[in-house]
C-alpha atoms as a PDB file:
ATOM      1  CA  MET A   1     169.536  51.301  97.325  1.00  0.00           C
ATOM      2  CA  LEU A   2     172.914  52.792  98.303  1.00  0.00           C
ATOM      3  CA  ASN A   3     173.431  56.320  99.430  1.00  0.00           C
ATOM      4  CA  GLN A   4     177.198  56.403  99.836  1.00  0.00           C
ATOM      5  CA  ILE A   5     178.025  57.376  96.243  1.00  0.00           C
ATOM      6  CA  LYS A   6     178.085  61.179  95.513  1.00  0.00           C
ATOM      7  CA  GLY A   7     178.956  61.252  91.792  1.00  0.00           C
ATOM      8  CA  LEU A   8     182.126  60.728  89.758  1.00  0.00           C
ATOM      9  CA  HIS A   9     185.585  60.545  91.277  1.00  0.00           C
ATOM     10  CA  HIS A  10     187.887  60.180  88.281  1.00  0.00           C
ATOM     11  CA  VAL A  11     187.831  58.907  84.691  1.00  0.00           C
ATOM     12  CA  THR A  12     190.753  56.889  83.403  1.00  0.00           C
ATOM     13  CA  SER A  13     191.821  56.664  79.766  1.00  0.00           C
ATOM     14  CA  MET A  14     194.575  55.448  77.586  1.00  0.00           C
ATOM     15  CA  ALA A  15     196.845  57.345  75.150  1.00  0.00           C
ATOM     16  CA  ASP A  16     199.880  56.766  72.924  1.00  0.00           C
ATOM     17  CA  ASP A  17     202.083  59.604  73.893  1.00  0.00           C
ATOM     18  CA  ALA A  18     202.593  61.158  77.287  1.00  0.00           C
ATOM     19  CA  ARG A  19     203.987  64.569  76.297  1.00  0.00           C
ATOM     20  CA  THR A  20     201.078  65.158  73.716  1.00  0.00           C
ATOM     21  CA  ASN A  21     198.638  64.147  76.302  1.00  0.00           C
ATOM     22  CA  ASN A  22     200.097  66.381  78.985  1.00  0.00           C
ATOM     23  CA  GLN A  23     200.131  69.397  76.735  1.00  0.00           C
ATOM     24  CA  PHE A  24     196.458  68.855  75.617  1.00  0.00           C
ATOM     25  CA  PHE A  25     195.133  68.639  79.199  1.00  0.00           C
ATOM     26  CA  THR A  26     197.308  71.463  80.731  1.00  0.00           C
ATOM     27  CA  ASN A  27     197.623  73.936  77.880  1.00  0.00           C
ATOM     28  CA  THR A  28     194.596  73.253  75.678  1.00  0.00           C
ATOM     29  CA  LEU A  29     191.986  72.484  78.384  1.00  0.00           C
ATOM     30  CA  GLY A  30     193.812  74.455  81.101  1.00  0.00           C
ATOM     31  CA  LEU A  31     193.732  71.697  83.838  1.00  0.00           C
ATOM     32  CA  ARG A  32     196.296  71.237  86.408  1.00  0.00           C
ATOM     33  CA  ARG A  33     198.532  68.264  86.372  1.00  0.00           C
ATOM     34  CA  VAL A  34     198.109  67.215  89.951  1.00  0.00           C
ATOM     35  CA  LYS A  35     200.201  64.068  89.970  1.00  0.00           C
ATOM     36  CA  LYS A  36     202.872  62.401  87.959  1.00  0.00           C
ATOM     37  CA  THR A  37     203.207  58.866  88.869  1.00  0.00           C
ATOM     38  CA  VAL A  38     203.303  55.394  87.200  1.00  0.00           C
ATOM     39  CA  ASN A  39     200.916  52.600  86.531  1.00  0.00           C
ATOM     40  CA  PHE A  40     200.906  50.141  89.401  1.00  0.00           C
ATOM     41  CA  ASP A  41     200.930  47.174  87.190  1.00  0.00           C
ATOM     42  CA  ALA A  42     203.238  48.587  84.342  1.00  0.00           C
ATOM     43  CA  PRO A  43     205.772  50.950  86.032  1.00  0.00           C
ATOM     44  CA  ASP A  44     207.468  51.850  82.839  1.00  0.00           C
ATOM     45  CA  VAL A  45     204.276  53.640  81.898  1.00  0.00           C
ATOM     46  CA  TYR A  46     203.100  56.917  83.475  1.00  0.00           C
ATOM     47  CA  HIS A  47     199.855  57.486  85.220  1.00  0.00           C
ATOM     48  CA  LEU A  48     199.089  61.189  84.842  1.00  0.00           C
ATOM     49  CA  TYR A  49     196.341  62.974  86.747  1.00  0.00           C
ATOM     50  CA  TYR A  50     194.657  66.251  85.707  1.00  0.00           C
ATOM     51  CA  GLY A  51     192.099  68.332  87.531  1.00  0.00           C
ATOM     52  CA  ASP A  52     191.386  71.455  89.611  1.00  0.00           C
ATOM     53  CA  GLU A  53     193.880  72.938  92.082  1.00  0.00           C
ATOM     54  CA  VAL A  54     193.873  70.087  94.440  1.00  0.00           C
ATOM     55  CA  GLY A  55     192.430  67.220  92.321  1.00  0.00           C
ATOM     56  CA  THR A  56     189.068  67.373  93.896  1.00  0.00           C
ATOM     57  CA  PRO A  57     187.049  64.188  93.509  1.00  0.00           C
ATOM     58  CA  GLY A  58     184.841  64.705  90.403  1.00  0.00           C
ATOM     59  CA  SER A  59     187.391  66.927  88.587  1.00  0.00           C
ATOM     60  CA  VAL A  60     190.193  64.374  87.842  1.00  0.00           C
ATOM     61  CA  MET A  61     190.876  62.986  84.289  1.00  0.00           C
ATOM     62  CA  THR A  62     193.759  60.411  84.493  1.00  0.00           C
ATOM     63  CA  TYR A  63     195.771  58.629  81.714  1.00  0.00           C
ATOM     64  CA  PHE A  64     197.864  55.615  81.002  1.00  0.00           C
ATOM     65  CA  PRO A  65     200.054  56.803  78.036  1.00  0.00           C
ATOM     66  CA  PHE A  66     201.327  53.596  76.652  1.00  0.00           C
ATOM     67  CA  PRO A  67     203.887  54.509  73.962  1.00  0.00           C
ATOM     68  CA  GLN A  68     202.802  53.894  70.402  1.00  0.00           C
ATOM     69  CA  MET A  69     199.613  52.163  71.483  1.00  0.00           C
ATOM     70  CA  ALA A  70     197.206  51.203  68.729  1.00  0.00           C
ATOM     71  CA  GLY A  71     194.030  53.437  68.628  1.00  0.00           C
ATOM     72  CA  GLY A  72     190.782  52.035  69.996  1.00  0.00           C
ATOM     73  CA  ARG A  73     187.682  51.353  68.071  1.00  0.00           C
ATOM     74  CA  ALA A  74     184.537  53.109  69.236  1.00  0.00           C
ATOM     75  CA  GLY A  75     181.514  50.929  69.924  1.00  0.00           C
ATOM     76  CA  THR A  76     179.181  49.714  72.784  1.00  0.00           C
ATOM     77  CA  GLY A  77     180.297  48.498  76.170  1.00  0.00           C
ATOM     78  CA  GLU A  78     182.240  51.630  76.875  1.00  0.00           C
ATOM     79  CA  VAL A  79     182.241  55.279  77.984  1.00  0.00           C
ATOM     80  CA  GLY A  80     181.867  57.079  74.663  1.00  0.00           C
ATOM     81  CA  THR A  81     182.068  60.738  75.881  1.00  0.00           C
ATOM     82  CA  THR A  82     183.535  62.380  78.904  1.00  0.00           C
ATOM     83  CA  LEU A  83     181.795  65.787  79.629  1.00  0.00           C
ATOM     84  CA  PHE A  84     183.168  68.690  81.447  1.00  0.00           C
ATOM     85  CA  SER A  85     181.167  71.501  83.091  1.00  0.00           C
ATOM     86  CA  VAL A  86     181.791  75.166  82.067  1.00  0.00           C
ATOM     87  CA  PRO A  87     179.768  78.337  82.796  1.00  0.00           C
ATOM     88  CA  LYS A  88     176.875  79.602  80.817  1.00  0.00           C
ATOM     89  CA  GLY A  89     177.940  81.446  77.731  1.00  0.00           C
ATOM     90  CA  ALA A  90     181.460  79.974  77.726  1.00  0.00           C
ATOM     91  CA  LEU A  91     181.172  77.757  74.687  1.00  0.00           C
ATOM     92  CA  GLY A  92     181.844  80.569  72.060  1.00  0.00           C
ATOM     93  CA  PHE A  93     185.238  81.058  73.819  1.00  0.00           C
ATOM     94  CA  TRP A  94     186.039  77.388  73.567  1.00  0.00           C
ATOM     95  CA  GLN A  95     184.984  77.172  69.978  1.00  0.00           C
ATOM     96  CA  ASP A  96     187.411  79.924  69.129  1.00  0.00           C
ATOM     97  CA  ARG A  97     190.164  78.487  71.255  1.00  0.00           C
ATOM     98  CA  PHE A  98     189.777  74.989  69.841  1.00  0.00           C
ATOM     99  CA  ALA A  99     189.725  76.196  66.333  1.00  0.00           C
ATOM    100  CA  LYS A 100     192.831  78.277  66.839  1.00  0.00           C
ATOM    101  CA  LEU A 101     194.687  75.302  68.488  1.00  0.00           C
ATOM    102  CA  GLY A 102     193.589  72.843  65.798  1.00  0.00           C
ATOM    103  CA  VAL A 103     191.424  70.703  68.013  1.00  0.00           C
ATOM    104  CA  GLN A 104     189.371  68.212  65.966  1.00  0.00           C
ATOM    105  CA  GLY A 105     185.736  66.926  65.908  1.00  0.00           C
ATOM    106  CA  LEU A 106     184.080  70.208  66.886  1.00  0.00           C
ATOM    107  CA  LYS A 107     180.276  69.840  66.898  1.00  0.00           C
ATOM    108  CA  ASP A 108     177.554  71.841  68.576  1.00  0.00           C
ATOM    109  CA  GLU A 109     174.652  70.140  70.226  1.00  0.00           C
ATOM    110  CA  GLU A 110     171.841  70.837  72.589  1.00  0.00           C
ATOM    111  CA  LEU A 111     170.504  68.009  74.840  1.00  0.00           C
ATOM    112  CA  PHE A 112     168.341  68.111  77.909  1.00  0.00           C
ATOM    113  CA  GLY A 113     168.151  71.784  77.526  1.00  0.00           C
ATOM    114  CA  GLU A 114     171.919  72.261  77.813  1.00  0.00           C
ATOM    115  CA  LYS A 115     174.272  73.532  75.086  1.00  0.00           C
ATOM    116  CA  ARG A 116     177.313  71.290  74.321  1.00  0.00           C
ATOM    117  CA  LEU A 117     180.492  71.475  72.288  1.00  0.00           C
ATOM    118  CA  HIS A 118     181.928  68.154  71.423  1.00  0.00           C
ATOM    119  CA  PHE A 119     185.553  67.798  70.556  1.00  0.00           C
ATOM    120  CA  ALA A 120     188.266  65.163  70.202  1.00  0.00           C
ATOM    121  CA  GLY A 121     191.351  64.456  72.187  1.00  0.00           C
ATOM    122  CA  PRO A 122     194.651  63.721  70.590  1.00  0.00           C
ATOM    123  CA  ASN A 123     193.830  60.061  70.128  1.00  0.00           C
ATOM    124  CA  GLY A 124     190.266  60.617  68.972  1.00  0.00           C
ATOM    125  CA  ASP A 125     188.956  60.676  72.697  1.00  0.00           C
ATOM    126  CA  GLY A 126     185.274  61.473  72.810  1.00  0.00           C
ATOM    127  CA  PHE A 127     184.851  64.806  74.988  1.00  0.00           C
ATOM    128  CA  ALA A 128     182.318  67.579  75.268  1.00  0.00           C
ATOM    129  CA  LEU A 129     181.950  70.798  77.154  1.00  0.00           C
ATOM    130  CA  VAL A 130     178.555  71.403  78.756  1.00  0.00           C
ATOM    131  CA  GLU A 131     177.172  74.889  79.753  1.00  0.00           C
ATOM    132  CA  ALA A 132     176.008  74.132  83.258  1.00  0.00           C
ATOM    133  CA  ALA A 133     174.009  76.600  85.326  1.00  0.00           C
ATOM    134  CA  ASN A 134     174.984  77.454  88.763  1.00  0.00           C
ATOM    135  CA  ASP A 135     177.996  75.112  89.054  1.00  0.00           C
ATOM    136  CA  PRO A 136     179.674  76.465  92.290  1.00  0.00           C
ATOM    137  CA  ARG A 137     182.990  74.557  91.840  1.00  0.00           C
ATOM    138  CA  THR A 138     186.166  76.723  91.762  1.00  0.00           C
ATOM    139  CA  PRO A 139     188.183  76.100  88.573  1.00  0.00           C
ATOM    140  CA  TRP A 140     191.999  75.992  88.144  1.00  0.00           C
ATOM    141  CA  LEU A 141     193.037  79.156  86.101  1.00  0.00           C
ATOM    142  CA  HIS A 142     195.722  78.482  83.676  1.00  0.00           C
ATOM    143  CA  ALA A 143     196.763  78.831  80.016  1.00  0.00           C
ATOM    144  CA  GLY A 144     194.913  82.132  79.424  1.00  0.00           C
ATOM    145  CA  ILE A 145     191.520  80.807  80.505  1.00  0.00           C
ATOM    146  CA  ASP A 146     189.668  83.046  82.884  1.00  0.00           C
ATOM    147  CA  GLN A 147     187.060  82.410  85.606  1.00  0.00           C
ATOM    148  CA  ASP A 148     184.090  83.009  83.300  1.00  0.00           C
ATOM    149  CA  HIS A 149     185.152  80.191  80.924  1.00  0.00           C
ATOM    150  CA  ALA A 150     187.315  77.698  82.848  1.00  0.00           C
ATOM    151  CA  ILE A 151     186.383  74.015  83.325  1.00  0.00           C
ATOM    152  CA  ARG A 152     184.841  73.424  86.739  1.00  0.00           C
ATOM    153  CA  GLY A 153     185.164  69.557  86.746  1.00  0.00           C
ATOM    154  CA  PHE A 154     183.195  66.686  85.160  1.00  0.00           C
ATOM    155  CA  HIS A 155     179.620  67.267  84.223  1.00  0.00           C
ATOM    156  CA  SER A 156     178.915  63.520  83.389  1.00  0.00           C
ATOM    157  CA  VAL A 157     179.957  60.583  81.323  1.00  0.00           C
ATOM    158  CA  ALA A 158     177.966  58.970  78.570  1.00  0.00           C
ATOM    159  CA  MET A 159     178.064  55.170  78.122  1.00  0.00           C
ATOM    160  CA  ARG A 160     177.339  53.474  74.890  1.00  0.00           C
ATOM    161  CA  LEU A 161     175.189  50.169  75.515  1.00  0.00           C
ATOM    162  CA  ASN A 162     173.471  47.585  73.350  1.00  0.00           C
ATOM    163  CA  ASP A 163     170.911  47.382  76.052  1.00  0.00           C
ATOM    164  CA  ASP A 164     170.676  49.547  79.159  1.00  0.00           C
ATOM    165  CA  GLY A 165     168.274  47.399  81.255  1.00  0.00           C
ATOM    166  CA  ALA A 166     170.701  45.899  83.699  1.00  0.00           C
ATOM    167  CA  THR A 167     172.985  48.940  83.730  1.00  0.00           C
ATOM    168  CA  SER A 168     169.991  51.234  84.427  1.00  0.00           C
ATOM    169  CA  GLU A 169     168.921  48.908  87.436  1.00  0.00           C
ATOM    170  CA  LEU A 170     172.623  49.042  88.699  1.00  0.00           C
ATOM    171  CA  LEU A 171     172.643  52.826  88.628  1.00  0.00           C
ATOM    172  CA  LYS A 172     169.358  52.976  90.541  1.00  0.00           C
ATOM    173  CA  TYR A 173     170.889  50.568  93.072  1.00  0.00           C
ATOM    174  CA  MET A 174     173.960  52.809  93.404  1.00  0.00           C
ATOM    175  CA  GLY A 175     171.801  55.806  94.308  1.00  0.00           C
ATOM    176  CA  TYR A 176     171.120  57.381  90.896  1.00  0.00           C
ATOM    177  CA  GLU A 177     167.607  58.359  89.754  1.00  0.00           C
ATOM    178  CA  GLN A 178     166.446  58.610  86.129  1.00  0.00           C
ATOM    179  CA  VAL A 179     165.695  62.078  85.541  1.00  0.00           C
ATOM    180  CA  ASP A 180     165.200  62.440  81.890  1.00  0.00           C
ATOM    181  CA  GLN A 181     165.038  60.636  78.421  1.00  0.00           C
ATOM    182  CA  ALA A 182     165.539  61.971  74.923  1.00  0.00           C
ATOM    183  CA  ASP A 183     166.799  60.817  71.502  1.00  0.00           C
ATOM    184  CA  GLY A 184     167.804  57.438  72.726  1.00  0.00           C
ATOM    185  CA  VAL A 185     169.531  58.708  75.821  1.00  0.00           C
ATOM    186  CA  LYS A 186     168.676  58.092  79.340  1.00  0.00           C
ATOM    187  CA  ARG A 187     169.919  60.532  82.064  1.00  0.00           C
ATOM    188  CA  PHE A 188     170.551  59.562  85.647  1.00  0.00           C
ATOM    189  CA  ALA A 189     171.670  61.880  88.530  1.00  0.00           C
ATOM    190  CA  VAL A 190     172.509  61.530  92.206  1.00  0.00           C
ATOM    191  CA  PRO A 191     170.356  63.929  94.499  1.00  0.00           C
ATOM    192  CA  GLY A 192     172.732  66.153  96.386  1.00  0.00           C
ATOM    193  CA  GLY A 193     175.819  64.930  94.554  1.00  0.00           C
ATOM    194  CA  ASN A 194     179.312  66.523  94.178  1.00  0.00           C
ATOM    195  CA  GLY A 195     178.672  68.370  90.914  1.00  0.00           C
ATOM    196  CA  ALA A 196     179.920  65.607  88.845  1.00  0.00           C
ATOM    197  CA  ASP A 197     176.742  63.572  89.413  1.00  0.00           C
ATOM    198  CA  VAL A 198     175.190  62.713  86.056  1.00  0.00           C
ATOM    199  CA  ILE A 199     175.406  59.627  83.960  1.00  0.00           C
ATOM    200  CA  GLU A 200     173.978  59.232  80.585  1.00  0.00           C
ATOM    201  CA  LEU A 201     173.209  55.874  78.770  1.00  0.00           C
ATOM    202  CA  GLU A 202     173.130  55.981  74.922  1.00  0.00           C
ATOM    203  CA  ILE A 203     171.215  52.937  73.770  1.00  0.00           C
ATOM    204  CA  MET A 204     172.741  51.630  70.583  1.00  0.00           C
ATOM    205  CA  PRO A 205     171.461  48.090  69.785  1.00  0.00           C
ATOM    206  CA  ASN A 206     172.898  47.721  66.301  1.00  0.00           C
ATOM    207  CA  ILE A 207     176.508  49.024  67.045  1.00  0.00           C
ATOM    208  CA  ALA A 208     179.380  46.710  67.312  1.00  0.00           C
ATOM    209  CA  ARG A 209     181.278  46.301  70.616  1.00  0.00           C
ATOM    210  CA  ALA A 210     184.162  48.611  71.303  1.00  0.00           C
ATOM    211  CA  ARG A 211     187.810  47.565  71.000  1.00  0.00           C
ATOM    212  CA  PRO A 212     189.951  49.246  73.625  1.00  0.00           C
ATOM    213  CA  GLY A 213     193.043  51.308  72.724  1.00  0.00           C
ATOM    214  CA  ALA A 214     194.618  54.723  72.671  1.00  0.00           C
ATOM    215  CA  GLY A 215     191.633  57.119  73.108  1.00  0.00           C
ATOM    216  CA  SER A 216     189.458  54.523  75.003  1.00  0.00           C
ATOM    217  CA  VAL A 217     188.257  55.021  78.601  1.00  0.00           C
ATOM    218  CA  HIS A 218     189.695  52.311  80.718  1.00  0.00           C
ATOM    219  CA  HIS A 219     187.309  52.809  83.618  1.00  0.00           C
ATOM    220  CA  VAL A 220     185.098  55.313  85.450  1.00  0.00           C
ATOM    221  CA  ALA A 221     185.345  55.681  89.164  1.00  0.00           C
ATOM    222  CA  PHE A 222     182.652  56.912  91.637  1.00  0.00           C
ATOM    223  CA  ALA A 223     183.315  58.723  94.699  1.00  0.00           C
ATOM    224  CA  VAL A 224     182.660  57.841  98.292  1.00  0.00           C
ATOM    225  CA  GLU A 225     183.691  59.670 101.355  1.00  0.00           C
ATOM    226  CA  ASN A 226     185.942  57.298 103.102  1.00  0.00           C
ATOM    227  CA  ARG A 227     186.936  53.619 103.504  1.00  0.00           C
ATOM    228  CA  GLU A 228     184.048  52.808 105.818  1.00  0.00           C
ATOM    229  CA  LYS A 229     181.472  53.979 103.156  1.00  0.00           C
ATOM    230  CA  GLN A 230     183.455  52.067 100.547  1.00  0.00           C
ATOM    231  CA  LEU A 231     183.290  48.760 102.486  1.00  0.00           C
ATOM    232  CA  GLU A 232     179.547  49.207 102.837  1.00  0.00           C
ATOM    233  CA  VAL A 233     179.258  49.626  99.089  1.00  0.00           C
ATOM    234  CA  ARG A 234     181.471  46.611  98.497  1.00  0.00           C
ATOM    235  CA  LYS A 235     179.397  44.359 100.688  1.00  0.00           C
ATOM    236  CA  ALA A 236     176.186  45.509  99.207  1.00  0.00           C
ATOM    237  CA  LEU A 237     177.380  44.906  95.616  1.00  0.00           C
ATOM    238  CA  MET A 238     178.667  41.414  96.508  1.00  0.00           C
ATOM    239  CA  ASP A 239     175.459  40.564  98.207  1.00  0.00           C
ATOM    240  CA  THR A 240     173.736  41.538  94.944  1.00  0.00           C
ATOM    241  CA  GLY A 241     175.981  39.152  93.054  1.00  0.00           C
ATOM    242  CA  TYR A 242     178.692  41.426  91.581  1.00  0.00           C
ATOM    243  CA  HIS A 243     182.257  40.067  91.614  1.00  0.00           C
ATOM    244  CA  VAL A 244     184.115  43.047  93.385  1.00  0.00           C
ATOM    245  CA  THR A 245     187.916  43.160  93.939  1.00  0.00           C
ATOM    246  CA  PRO A 246     189.445  43.445  97.332  1.00  0.00           C
ATOM    247  CA  VAL A 247     190.253  47.124  98.402  1.00  0.00           C
ATOM    248  CA  ILE A 248     193.434  48.248  96.762  1.00  0.00           C
ATOM    249  CA  ASP A 249     195.610  51.050  97.952  1.00  0.00           C
ATOM    250  CA  ARG A 250     196.217  53.543  95.139  1.00  0.00           C
ATOM    251  CA  ASP A 251     198.304  55.885  97.360  1.00  0.00           C
ATOM    252  CA  TYR A 252     195.818  58.879  96.773  1.00  0.00           C
ATOM    253  CA  PHE A 253     192.674  56.927  97.290  1.00  0.00           C
ATOM    254  CA  TRP A 254     191.480  53.349  98.004  1.00  0.00           C
ATOM    255  CA  ALA A 255     189.807  51.492  95.184  1.00  0.00           C
ATOM    256  CA  ILE A 256     187.541  48.548  94.399  1.00  0.00           C
ATOM    257  CA  TYR A 257     186.539  47.445  90.917  1.00  0.00           C
ATOM    258  CA  PHE A 258     183.786  45.428  89.181  1.00  0.00           C
ATOM    259  CA  ARG A 259     182.593  44.902  85.715  1.00  0.00           C
ATOM    260  CA  THR A 260     179.084  46.158  84.895  1.00  0.00           C
ATOM    261  CA  PRO A 261     176.457  44.138  82.818  1.00  0.00           C
ATOM    262  CA  GLY A 262     177.090  46.530  79.872  1.00  0.00           C
ATOM    263  CA  GLY A 263     180.773  45.881  79.955  1.00  0.00           C
ATOM    264  CA  VAL A 264     181.945  49.032  81.379  1.00  0.00           C
ATOM    265  CA  LEU A 265     184.521  48.804  84.255  1.00  0.00           C
ATOM    266  CA  PHE A 266     183.430  50.653  87.362  1.00  0.00           C
ATOM    267  CA  GLU A 267     185.525  51.654  90.338  1.00  0.00           C
ATOM    268  CA  ILE A 268     184.525  52.990  93.702  1.00  0.00           C
ATOM    269  CA  ALA A 269     187.254  55.335  95.066  1.00  0.00           C
ATOM    270  CA  THR A 270     187.571  57.142  98.290  1.00  0.00           C
ATOM    271  CA  ASN A 271     187.918  60.867  98.556  1.00  0.00           C
ATOM    272  CA  GLU A 272     190.771  60.263 101.164  1.00  0.00           C
ATOM    273  CA  PRO A 273     193.562  60.723 101.508  1.00  0.00           C
ATOM    274  CA  GLY A 274     193.952  63.003  98.429  1.00  0.00           C
ATOM    275  CA  PHE A 275     196.721  64.158  96.221  1.00  0.00           C
ATOM    276  CA  ASP A 276     198.536  66.258  98.707  1.00  0.00           C
ATOM    277  CA  ARG A 277     199.578  63.352 100.840  1.00  0.00           C
ATOM    278  CA  ASP A 278     203.075  63.303  99.432  1.00  0.00           C
ATOM    279  CA  GLU A 279     203.266  66.794  97.849  1.00  0.00           C
ATOM    280  CA  ASP A 280     202.566  70.345  99.022  1.00  0.00           C
ATOM    281  CA  THR A 281     199.574  71.765  97.225  1.00  0.00           C
ATOM    282  CA  ALA A 282     201.806  74.522  95.620  1.00  0.00           C
ATOM    283  CA  HIS A 283     203.839  71.850  93.767  1.00  0.00           C
ATOM    284  CA  LEU A 284     201.338  69.089  92.974  1.00  0.00           C
ATOM    285  CA  GLY A 285     202.284  67.156  89.841  1.00  0.00           C
ATOM    286  CA  GLU A 286     205.786  68.553  89.584  1.00  0.00           C
ATOM    287  CA  ALA A 287     207.955  65.627  90.859  1.00  0.00           C
ATOM    288  CA  LEU A 288     207.737  61.881  89.737  1.00  0.00           C
ATOM    289  CA  LYS A 289     206.037  60.068  92.601  1.00  0.00           C
ATOM    290  CA  LEU A 290     206.465  56.239  92.825  1.00  0.00           C
ATOM    291  CA  PRO A 291     204.461  53.673  94.677  1.00  0.00           C
ATOM    292  CA  THR A 292     206.382  52.075  97.403  1.00  0.00           C
ATOM    293  CA  GLN A 293     206.898  48.825  95.570  1.00  0.00           C
ATOM    294  CA  HIS A 294     208.407  50.530  92.659  1.00  0.00           C
ATOM    295  CA  ALA A 295     210.633  53.079  94.569  1.00  0.00           C
ATOM    296  CA  HIS A 296     213.830  50.983  93.837  1.00  0.00           C
ATOM    297  CA  LEU A 297     213.168  51.617  90.127  1.00  0.00           C
ATOM    298  CA  ARG A 298     213.416  55.356  90.282  1.00  0.00           C
ATOM    299  CA  ALA A 299     216.762  55.815  88.509  1.00  0.00           C
ATOM    300  CA  ALA A 300     215.793  53.556  85.665  1.00  0.00           C
ATOM    301  CA  LEU A 301     212.316  55.033  85.369  1.00  0.00           C
ATOM    302  CA  GLU A 302     213.764  58.636  85.306  1.00  0.00           C
ATOM    303  CA  GLN A 303     215.978  57.603  82.398  1.00  0.00           C
ATOM    304  CA  HIS A 304     213.098  55.726  80.630  1.00  0.00           C
ATOM    305  CA  LEU A 305     210.032  57.874  80.966  1.00  0.00           C
ATOM    306  CA  GLN A 306     209.488  60.689  78.395  1.00  0.00           C
ATOM    307  CA  PRO A 307     210.014  64.192  79.763  1.00  0.00           C
ATOM    308  CA  LEU A 308     206.644  66.014  79.936  1.00  0.00           C
ATOM    309  CA  ASP A 309     207.458  69.675  80.347  1.00  0.00           C
ATOM    310  CA  ALA A 310     208.888  70.671  76.925  1.00  0.00           C
ATOM    311  CA  GLU A 311     205.681  72.220  75.859  1.00  0.00           C
ATOM    312  CA  THR A 312     204.883  75.922  75.409  1.00  0.00           C
ATOM    313  CA  GLU A 313     201.987  77.671  76.910  1.00  0.00           C
ATOM    314  CA  ALA A 314     198.824  78.085  74.836  1.00  0.00           C
ATOM    315  CA  ALA A 315     198.040  81.841  74.179  1.00  0.00           C
END
């Protein structure tokens, strides 16, 4: 069993409009845009990162906003819900805020003794806020959201699977322990994790497979401290029979990827070097940052990419 993985690093999804996406995460949810860059494989498309003040691993939601992308179809073999941690007693504030701002899909739930508020993103993305006791992480305070209500980072992700057997075994191998089970959902957690250290598996044997599109999660990334730990994980996964990519430099972390038995794409990402490697902390996410191989495209990309900052602050 591995012990290098400490919880989630980031979750990456897809959208159909960059400005709408930016407004939702910065103004509606009050997260900080910590990086404005482009997709390594499609540089005419943004890669936007949102999180806490510095983009701490376990707080970062990222997006590829492909203009006019068709919507995804929910199903199995994907992350169905991305859940954020908020303080005890905060959900009433968010219920009122979301209603005022026209956020769709509001639904209250209690699971594993925790109150949740489900809501939909601009492309029908599945999200929830969870009242988590004693989450010590420091939130980014923005858009009229105070310390008592602000998002701390991720709580968990919930994966929809036809059968959880092989994925459960994989999570256990990755250092997760099954800690609870209720209503067709199995909960796993990493002991001594980074706060974003819960994974839930929703077993849905009669549901069709998901079709990716706008609103779908592209991949979920798990955090390791550094490249040395990452290489240990890579070797262990390959020795177990997984097909793992070589290490890829993503500028703000190093990444490896592999497909899970249930169909979800996993990434193992390093906590180093972080989002301040090319911007001062006070100005994270302001300038367009380009991977070295795309630097020569700057003039064209600055003309092509949709301006993000025409939105107004939420009250």
